[in-house]
Protein backbone atom coordinates (compact mmCIF):
# COMPACT_ATOMS: atom_id res chain seq x y z
CA MET A 1 21.73 84.37 65.05
CA ASP A 2 20.67 81.46 67.46
CA LYS A 3 19.07 82.79 70.47
CA GLN A 4 21.29 81.17 73.74
CA ARG A 5 18.91 78.90 75.88
CA GLY A 6 19.90 78.91 79.65
CA PHE A 7 19.11 79.84 82.71
CA THR A 8 18.86 83.30 84.43
CA LEU A 9 21.56 84.00 87.36
CA ILE A 10 17.90 84.62 89.34
CA GLU A 11 16.49 81.63 88.10
CA LEU A 12 19.51 79.58 89.78
CA MET A 13 19.23 81.74 93.14
CA VAL A 14 15.75 81.28 93.62
CA VAL A 15 16.46 77.12 92.92
CA ILE A 16 19.28 77.36 95.54
CA GLY A 17 17.61 79.12 97.95
CA ILE A 18 14.91 76.80 97.75
CA ILE A 19 17.01 74.13 98.02
CA ALA A 20 18.55 75.69 101.26
CA ILE A 21 15.16 76.13 102.44
CA LEU A 22 13.89 72.24 102.32
CA SER A 23 17.71 71.12 103.83
CA ALA A 24 16.65 72.92 106.77
CA ILE A 25 13.44 72.24 107.31
CA GLY A 26 14.70 68.39 105.66
CA ILE A 27 18.08 67.69 108.02
CA PRO A 28 16.42 68.79 111.53
CA ALA A 29 13.61 66.27 111.29
CA TYR A 30 15.64 63.18 109.48
CA GLN A 31 18.09 63.71 112.61
CA ASN A 32 14.98 63.73 115.34
CA TYR A 33 13.78 60.54 112.79
CA LEU A 34 17.64 58.57 113.68
CA ARG A 35 17.22 60.23 117.54
CA LYS A 36 14.14 58.30 117.45
CA ALA A 37 14.68 55.07 115.98
CA ALA A 38 17.97 54.79 117.65
CA LEU A 39 15.58 55.37 121.46
CA THR A 40 13.33 52.50 120.31
CA ASP A 41 15.79 50.33 118.94
CA MET A 42 17.66 50.88 122.58
CA LEU A 43 13.89 50.35 124.43
CA GLN A 44 13.05 47.27 122.09
CA THR A 45 16.57 45.84 123.13
CA PHE A 46 16.05 45.84 126.89
CA VAL A 47 12.57 44.07 126.79
CA PRO A 48 13.70 40.70 127.25
CA TYR A 49 15.83 42.04 130.96
CA ARG A 50 12.71 43.39 132.29
CA THR A 51 10.93 40.61 131.71
CA ALA A 52 13.60 38.91 133.47
CA VAL A 53 13.83 41.05 136.24
CA GLU A 54 10.17 41.19 136.94
CA LEU A 55 9.82 37.48 136.55
CA CYS A 56 12.90 37.14 139.27
CA ALA A 57 10.53 39.82 141.36
CA LEU A 58 7.67 37.83 141.60
CA GLU A 59 9.35 34.50 142.13
CA HIS A 60 11.48 35.80 145.39
CA GLY A 61 9.17 38.41 146.38
């Protein structure tokens, strides 16, 4: 009789648990990263306008 090969139910449940824990940590961290990246992009978009306003304020008092 050949011995069957495969994973036990316990092994599969442990792997699913590990994936769930890593997802619970990783997804919020990635969302926070995306939020910070969007904020940085927005701030970089406004740099030329800020410079123009500062020049106008210096020229016109």
